[in-house]
Amino acid sequence: MNLLYWLEPWEPSPTVAVAALVAAVVFARGAKKARMSLRRQLSFWFGLVALYVALHTRLDYYFEHEFFMHRAQHLVLHHLGPFFIAWSYPGAALRAGIPLSWRQRFIRPTLAARPVRIALDVLFHPVVAVVLFVGLIYFWLLSPIHFKAMLDWRLYRVMNWSMVVDGLMFWWLVLDPRPAPPARLAPGRRIMMVVAAIPPQIVLGALIFFTPRELYPIYSICGRAFTWISPIRDQQIGGLLLWIPGSMMSVFGALIALRHWMRLSERERLRGERLGSGARRDAGLPPRRPLHAG
């Protein structure tokens, strides 16, 4: 088997292909104009490729036939891919990549519309964002809901896309490097937000891991990709993926948000020192002497 075999989609989706292509073209056009660093560009491309691989390759067969593979897929769709895209801070590049006439004719009027602004204010409220981020994980792992989602291809795609969209919204909010405003949340709130999302993921992962009965029989009914892994062992590995890597991604997000907070705080302090020195000069006073001077 060569690489092309694995890149061939198990269930072709024009929506995924078009969305990935549009995002790639817009970012590639805008990255040059926005003069993004290599680190940020690599972060974006890694996130986008990770989402595409998790949605539109032959691996999707394994995602549909093993619970732990399904959890690995959602770890990429909800955490890893959106995290790296948001960490690249691609707003300026994406904006620059859209033709000006399109922005003026379509993007700005849409974002300025009152219903859209109200919807965004609700969705980006920190409490709502945390509830959605954690609630979607719980919702799609409810046994009856999960059973139907894995049988109905339309519901299956809704499930996957909901994880992608919610992940992008959450990590975009948490990893925003700007002060508030223009960012929606102050750095301290971003840290509280991502920390609040950790305990529910640990609890759910532990619950799945320690449950002695099979919670998701759909994989046994439809046939497992790895017959040498027992249903309980499959379930335990899936629980661990939610418990440890999922929580660790939130920890990384909190650390990055903390770094932004410290950076912004330092710049505010330096700005205050500059203002203070200017005021002393205006008053005809000598500059403040450093504490470490002899």
Foldseek 3Di string as FASTA:
>chain_A
DDPVQFAAFPDDDPVLVVVLVVVVQLLVQLCVVVVADPQLVVLLVVLSVLLCSLHGGPLVVQLLQFLLSVLVSLCSQQFRSLLSNLLSVSPRSNVRSDDPVCCVPPVVVVCPDPVNVVVLVQCLDLVNLLCLSLVLVVVCLQQVNVLVLSVDVVSVVVSSVSSNVSSNSLSNLLLVLDAPVVRPDHLVSSLVSLVVNQVSLQVQLVVQQPDPDQSHCSSVVVDHPDPVQDRNNSSNSNSVSSNPVVNVSSVVSSVSSVVSNVVVVVVVVVVVLVVVQVVCVVVVHDGDDDPPDD
